[in-house]
N, C-alpha and C. Protein backbone atom coordinates (compact mmCIF):
# COMPACT_ATOMS: atom_id res chain seq x y z
N UNK A 1 -16.98 13.31 -3.97
CA UNK A 1 -17.52 12.49 -4.85
C UNK A 1 -16.31 11.26 -5.05
N UNK A 2 -16.71 10.00 -4.59
CA UNK A 2 -16.05 8.95 -4.85
C UNK A 2 -15.27 8.52 -6.01
N UNK A 3 -14.07 8.14 -6.09
CA UNK A 3 -13.63 7.70 -7.78
C UNK A 3 -14.08 6.26 -7.79
N UNK A 4 -14.51 5.83 -8.83
CA UNK A 4 -14.45 4.39 -8.94
C UNK A 4 -12.88 4.11 -9.48
N UNK A 5 -12.57 2.71 -9.35
CA UNK A 5 -11.51 2.37 -9.72
C UNK A 5 -11.79 1.29 -10.85
N UNK A 6 -10.81 0.69 -11.53
CA UNK A 6 -10.93 -0.31 -12.54
C UNK A 6 -10.09 -1.18 -12.42
N UNK A 7 -10.26 -2.22 -11.65
CA UNK A 7 -8.88 -3.15 -11.69
C UNK A 7 -8.62 -3.75 -12.98
N UNK A 8 -7.39 -3.58 -13.58
CA UNK A 8 -6.87 -3.93 -14.87
C UNK A 8 -6.21 -5.60 -14.58
N UNK A 9 -5.83 -5.88 -13.43
CA UNK A 9 -5.34 -7.11 -13.11
C UNK A 9 -5.56 -7.13 -11.62
N UNK A 10 -5.11 -8.15 -11.06
CA UNK A 10 -5.27 -8.15 -9.51
C UNK A 10 -3.91 -7.58 -8.56
N UNK A 11 -2.95 -7.09 -9.74
CA UNK A 11 -1.85 -6.75 -9.24
C UNK A 11 -1.96 -5.29 -9.03
N UNK A 12 -2.49 -4.32 -9.76
CA UNK A 12 -2.52 -3.06 -9.84
C UNK A 12 -4.14 -2.40 -10.11
N UNK A 13 -4.25 -1.33 -9.66
CA UNK A 13 -5.41 -0.52 -10.24
C UNK A 13 -5.42 0.70 -11.00
N UNK A 14 -6.04 1.01 -11.94
CA UNK A 14 -5.95 1.98 -12.57
C UNK A 14 -7.28 2.99 -12.42
N UNK A 15 -6.63 4.18 -11.92
CA UNK A 15 -7.56 5.37 -11.49
C UNK A 15 -7.87 5.83 -12.78
N UNK A 16 -9.26 6.27 -13.02
CA UNK A 16 -9.78 6.96 -14.03
C UNK A 16 -8.94 8.50 -14.36
N UNK A 17 -8.10 8.82 -13.83
CA UNK A 17 -7.43 10.17 -13.87
C UNK A 17 -6.17 9.93 -14.15
N UNK A 18 -5.40 11.27 -14.76
CA UNK A 18 -3.98 11.16 -14.64
C UNK A 18 -3.47 12.41 -13.69
N UNK A 19 -4.72 12.70 -13.07
CA UNK A 19 -4.23 14.11 -11.94
C UNK A 19 -3.58 13.34 -10.64
N UNK A 20 -2.45 13.81 -10.19
CA UNK A 20 -1.93 13.53 -8.97
C UNK A 20 -2.73 14.16 -7.90
N UNK A 21 -3.37 15.22 -8.02
CA UNK A 21 -4.36 15.76 -6.89
C UNK A 21 -5.38 14.86 -6.92
N UNK A 22 -5.99 14.55 -7.79
CA UNK A 22 -6.92 13.49 -7.88
C UNK A 22 -6.73 12.42 -7.20
N UNK A 23 -5.55 11.69 -7.41
CA UNK A 23 -5.15 10.39 -6.56
C UNK A 23 -4.87 10.75 -5.24
N UNK A 24 -4.23 11.91 -4.72
CA UNK A 24 -4.28 12.13 -3.29
C UNK A 24 -5.48 12.33 -3.20
N UNK A 25 -6.51 12.91 -3.44
CA UNK A 25 -7.87 13.31 -2.76
C UNK A 25 -8.65 11.69 -2.63
N UNK A 26 -8.25 10.71 -3.85
CA UNK A 26 -8.94 9.54 -3.64
C UNK A 26 -8.26 8.83 -2.49
N UNK A 27 -7.16 8.72 -2.11
CA UNK A 27 -6.19 8.06 -1.47
C UNK A 27 -6.87 8.54 0.30
N UNK A 28 -6.63 9.84 0.43
CA UNK A 28 -7.24 10.55 1.62
C UNK A 28 -8.45 10.31 1.95
N UNK A 29 -9.52 10.27 1.23
CA UNK A 29 -11.06 9.91 1.34
C UNK A 29 -11.44 8.60 0.87
N UNK A 30 -10.58 7.59 1.00
CA UNK A 30 -11.02 6.17 0.70
C UNK A 30 -10.02 5.30 1.60
N UNK A 31 -9.62 5.77 2.59
CA UNK A 31 -8.56 4.89 3.58
C UNK A 31 -9.02 3.44 3.75
N UNK A 32 -10.75 3.16 3.76
CA UNK A 32 -11.17 2.14 4.20
C UNK A 32 -10.90 1.11 2.95
N UNK A 33 -10.56 1.80 1.91
CA UNK A 33 -10.35 0.98 0.77
C UNK A 33 -9.05 0.52 0.31
N UNK A 34 -8.20 2.02 0.62
CA UNK A 34 -6.74 1.79 0.09
C UNK A 34 -6.18 0.98 0.93
N UNK A 35 -6.42 1.02 2.48
CA UNK A 35 -5.20 0.52 3.18
C UNK A 35 -5.33 -1.20 3.21
N UNK A 36 -6.65 -1.73 3.23
CA UNK A 36 -6.77 -3.28 3.05
C UNK A 36 -6.17 -3.41 1.63
N UNK A 37 -6.08 -2.76 0.52
CA UNK A 37 -5.45 -2.98 -0.89
C UNK A 37 -4.08 -3.24 -0.68
N UNK A 38 -3.44 -1.71 0.16
CA UNK A 38 -1.93 -1.80 0.51
C UNK A 38 -1.63 -2.73 1.31
N UNK A 39 -2.14 -3.23 2.36
CA UNK A 39 -2.00 -4.14 3.46
C UNK A 39 -1.83 -5.62 2.67
N UNK A 40 -2.60 -6.08 1.93
CA UNK A 40 -2.46 -7.32 0.81
C UNK A 40 -1.35 -7.16 -0.20
N UNK A 41 -1.11 -6.05 -0.65
CA UNK A 41 0.27 -5.73 -1.68
C UNK A 41 1.57 -6.01 -0.50
N UNK A 42 1.55 -5.29 0.70
CA UNK A 42 2.61 -5.30 1.22
C UNK A 42 2.97 -6.81 1.93
N UNK A 43 2.04 -7.46 2.19
CA UNK A 43 2.24 -8.91 2.78
C UNK A 43 2.86 -9.76 1.52
N UNK A 44 2.39 -9.67 0.29
CA UNK A 44 3.42 -10.04 -0.73
C UNK A 44 4.88 -9.70 -0.70
N UNK A 45 4.74 -8.28 -0.77
CA UNK A 45 5.96 -7.76 -1.13
C UNK A 45 7.00 -8.27 0.02
N UNK A 46 6.80 -8.16 1.22
CA UNK A 46 7.59 -8.46 2.41
C UNK A 46 7.75 -9.88 2.49
N UNK A 47 6.63 -10.90 2.52
CA UNK A 47 7.04 -12.24 2.05
C UNK A 47 8.20 -12.57 1.41
N UNK A 48 8.17 -11.87 -0.09
CA UNK A 48 8.90 -12.23 -0.85
C UNK A 48 10.08 -11.27 -1.27
N UNK A 49 10.37 -10.47 -0.06
CA UNK A 49 11.59 -9.52 -0.21
C UNK A 49 11.63 -8.69 -1.43
N UNK A 50 10.40 -8.18 -2.07
CA UNK A 50 10.44 -7.32 -3.32
C UNK A 50 10.62 -5.95 -2.96
N UNK A 51 11.52 -5.48 -3.93
CA UNK A 51 12.31 -4.12 -3.59
C UNK A 51 11.58 -2.61 -3.86
N UNK A 52 10.24 -2.84 -4.50
CA UNK A 52 9.14 -1.79 -4.67
C UNK A 52 7.72 -2.18 -5.26
N UNK A 53 6.97 -1.69 -4.62
CA UNK A 53 5.52 -2.02 -5.13
C UNK A 53 5.04 -1.09 -6.34
N UNK A 54 4.40 -1.71 -6.90
CA UNK A 54 3.71 -0.95 -8.05
C UNK A 54 2.16 -1.04 -7.98
N UNK A 55 1.64 0.14 -7.36
CA UNK A 55 0.23 0.22 -6.78
C UNK A 55 -1.03 0.58 -7.68
N UNK A 56 -0.74 1.76 -8.45
CA UNK A 56 -1.80 2.43 -8.98
C UNK A 56 -1.24 2.65 -10.19
N UNK A 57 -2.01 2.91 -11.43
CA UNK A 57 -1.63 3.46 -12.56
C UNK A 57 -2.75 4.83 -12.70
N UNK A 58 -2.06 5.75 -13.15
CA UNK A 58 -2.91 7.19 -13.22
C UNK A 58 -3.55 7.16 -14.57
N UNK A 59 -4.55 6.68 -14.77
CA UNK A 59 -5.43 7.09 -16.03
C UNK A 59 -5.04 5.91 -17.14
N UNK A 60 -4.71 6.58 -18.46
CA UNK A 60 -4.07 5.92 -19.52
C UNK A 60 -2.96 6.22 -19.81
N UNK A 61 -2.39 6.67 -18.71
CA UNK A 61 -0.99 7.18 -18.65
C UNK A 61 0.06 5.89 -18.41
N UNK A 62 1.21 6.25 -18.47
CA UNK A 62 2.33 5.26 -17.93
C UNK A 62 2.67 5.47 -16.54
N UNK A 63 2.11 6.50 -15.99
CA UNK A 63 2.47 6.85 -14.53
C UNK A 63 2.22 6.00 -13.58
N UNK A 64 2.64 4.96 -12.67
CA UNK A 64 2.62 4.19 -11.90
C UNK A 64 2.65 4.66 -10.27
N UNK A 65 2.03 4.67 -9.59
CA UNK A 65 2.29 5.01 -7.99
C UNK A 65 3.13 3.82 -7.51
N UNK A 66 4.62 4.38 -7.04
CA UNK A 66 5.34 2.94 -6.23
C UNK A 66 5.49 3.40 -5.12
N UNK A 67 5.67 2.35 -4.00
CA UNK A 67 6.43 2.61 -2.83
C UNK A 67 7.72 1.78 -3.04
N UNK A 68 8.51 2.20 -2.43
CA UNK A 68 9.75 1.63 -2.61
C UNK A 68 10.16 1.16 -1.02
N UNK A 69 11.03 -0.04 -0.97
CA UNK A 69 11.01 -0.79 0.30
C UNK A 69 11.41 -0.08 1.28
N UNK A 70 12.10 0.85 0.93
CA UNK A 70 12.92 1.74 2.27
C UNK A 70 11.82 2.51 2.63
N UNK A 71 10.63 2.45 2.16
CA UNK A 71 9.33 3.57 2.66
C UNK A 71 8.35 2.48 3.40
N UNK A 72 8.35 1.12 3.22
CA UNK A 72 7.41 0.11 3.80
C UNK A 72 7.14 0.08 5.09
N UNK A 73 8.40 0.85 6.16
CA UNK A 73 7.85 0.86 7.50
C UNK A 73 7.00 2.19 7.82
N UNK A 74 7.26 3.12 7.34
CA UNK A 74 6.47 4.48 7.33
C UNK A 74 5.03 3.78 6.86
N UNK A 75 4.65 3.32 5.74
CA UNK A 75 3.41 3.05 5.40
C UNK A 75 2.68 2.02 6.48
N UNK A 76 3.35 0.86 6.65
CA UNK A 76 3.10 -0.12 7.92
C UNK A 76 2.79 0.69 9.21
N UNK A 77 3.33 1.36 9.30
CA UNK A 77 3.11 1.90 10.68
C UNK A 77 1.94 3.04 10.76
N UNK A 78 1.75 3.63 9.57
CA UNK A 78 0.44 4.47 9.37
C UNK A 78 -0.68 3.63 9.49
N UNK A 79 -0.57 2.28 8.81
CA UNK A 79 -2.07 1.48 8.78
C UNK A 79 -2.03 0.69 9.72
N UNK A 80 -0.90 0.46 10.48
CA UNK A 80 -1.20 0.01 11.97
C UNK A 80 -1.97 0.85 13.09
N UNK A 81 -1.61 1.99 12.81
CA UNK A 81 -2.22 3.09 13.61
C UNK A 81 -3.93 3.24 12.94
N UNK A 82 -4.11 3.22 11.73
CA UNK A 82 -5.36 3.61 11.12
C UNK A 82 -6.14 2.18 11.77
N UNK A 83 -5.43 1.16 11.72
CA UNK A 83 -6.53 -0.15 11.90
C UNK A 83 -6.84 -0.09 13.19
N UNK A 84 -5.59 0.04 14.00
CA UNK A 84 -6.24 0.37 15.68
C UNK A 84 -7.14 1.14 16.11
N UNK A 85 -7.19 2.31 15.26
CA UNK A 85 -7.98 3.28 15.37
C UNK A 85 -9.54 2.71 15.32
N UNK A 86 -9.42 2.09 14.12
CA UNK A 86 -11.12 1.27 13.37
C UNK A 86 -11.23 0.11 14.26
N UNK A 87 -10.45 -0.11 15.49
CA UNK A 87 -10.38 -1.30 16.09
C UNK A 87 -10.54 -2.50 15.32
N UNK A 88 -9.77 -2.62 14.39
CA UNK A 88 -9.53 -3.95 13.53
C UNK A 88 -8.39 -4.23 14.03
N UNK A 89 -8.30 -4.96 14.92
CA UNK A 89 -7.32 -5.34 15.69
C UNK A 89 -6.42 -6.34 14.85
N UNK A 90 -7.12 -6.98 14.04
CA UNK A 90 -6.65 -8.54 13.42
C UNK A 90 -5.67 -7.86 12.42
N UNK A 91 -5.94 -6.70 11.62
CA UNK A 91 -5.14 -6.02 10.57
C UNK A 91 -4.16 -5.28 11.25
N UNK A 92 -4.42 -4.83 12.41
CA UNK A 92 -3.37 -4.25 13.08
C UNK A 92 -2.19 -4.82 13.57
N UNK A 93 -2.77 -6.16 13.93
CA UNK A 93 -1.67 -7.18 13.97
C UNK A 93 -1.01 -7.99 13.19
N UNK A 94 -1.58 -7.68 12.01
CA UNK A 94 -0.98 -7.89 10.87
C UNK A 94 0.15 -7.00 10.19
N UNK A 95 -0.09 -6.11 10.55
CA UNK A 95 0.73 -4.82 10.12
C UNK A 95 2.20 -4.94 11.43
N UNK A 96 1.80 -5.56 12.60
CA UNK A 96 2.93 -5.70 13.32
C UNK A 96 3.86 -6.50 12.94
N UNK A 97 3.19 -7.84 12.40
CA UNK A 97 4.16 -8.94 11.97
C UNK A 97 4.61 -8.73 10.97
N UNK A 98 4.20 -8.04 9.88
CA UNK A 98 4.73 -7.44 8.77
C UNK A 98 6.16 -6.50 9.12
N UNK A 99 5.50 -5.41 10.06
CA UNK A 99 6.77 -4.77 10.27
C UNK A 99 8.07 -5.44 10.77
N UNK A 100 8.03 -6.60 11.62
CA UNK A 100 8.96 -7.42 12.28
C UNK A 100 9.59 -8.11 11.07
N UNK A 101 8.86 -8.40 9.92
CA UNK A 101 9.24 -9.29 8.86
C UNK A 101 10.22 -8.51 7.75
N UNK A 102 9.90 -7.17 7.94
CA UNK A 102 10.35 -6.18 6.84
C UNK A 102 11.48 -6.12 7.76
N UNK A 103 11.58 -5.54 8.90
CA UNK A 103 13.02 -5.19 9.47
C UNK A 103 14.07 -6.37 9.27
N UNK A 104 13.62 -7.61 9.56
CA UNK A 104 14.48 -8.81 9.49
C UNK A 104 15.09 -8.76 7.83
N UNK A 105 13.79 -8.64 6.79
CA UNK A 105 14.56 -8.34 5.29
C UNK A 105 15.67 -7.25 5.36
N UNK A 106 15.41 -6.20 5.95
CA UNK A 106 16.46 -4.95 5.92
C UNK A 106 17.91 -5.50 6.26
N UNK A 107 17.51 -6.39 7.61
CA UNK A 107 18.87 -6.67 8.22
C UNK A 107 19.68 -7.41 7.12
N UNK A 108 18.82 -8.31 6.76
CA UNK A 108 19.55 -9.58 5.72
C UNK A 108 20.13 -8.98 4.44
N UNK A 109 19.48 -7.90 4.20
CA UNK A 109 20.11 -7.47 3.01
C UNK A 109 21.10 -6.42 3.01
N UNK A 110 21.26 -6.30 4.49
CA UNK A 110 22.63 -5.59 4.44
C UNK A 110 23.80 -6.31 4.87
N UNK A 111 23.76 -7.61 4.74
CA UNK A 111 24.57 -8.47 5.12
C UNK A 111 25.14 -9.07 4.33
């Protein structure tokens, strides 16, 4: 059964549960919703060289699912493969461009 999400703002989604198992189930069964959302968030994060993304709030708790900057490449590669398999080459290409920009950000951060 799909889980409904309630956007509390355009910056974070609140899931109607505080269970990490339910969160994992939601993500793995709704990649067609989660990945475009994540791509939009990561586009802004890479463009603004943000250190971490807060993506989901678990229920009415203060628990927030985050992706640290060091993990961006992993998720961009996963999304790139997913979008290519779905034949959504525009979004796969966006992932490629973001990967390049992210690597430049990491290089500039290290100097």
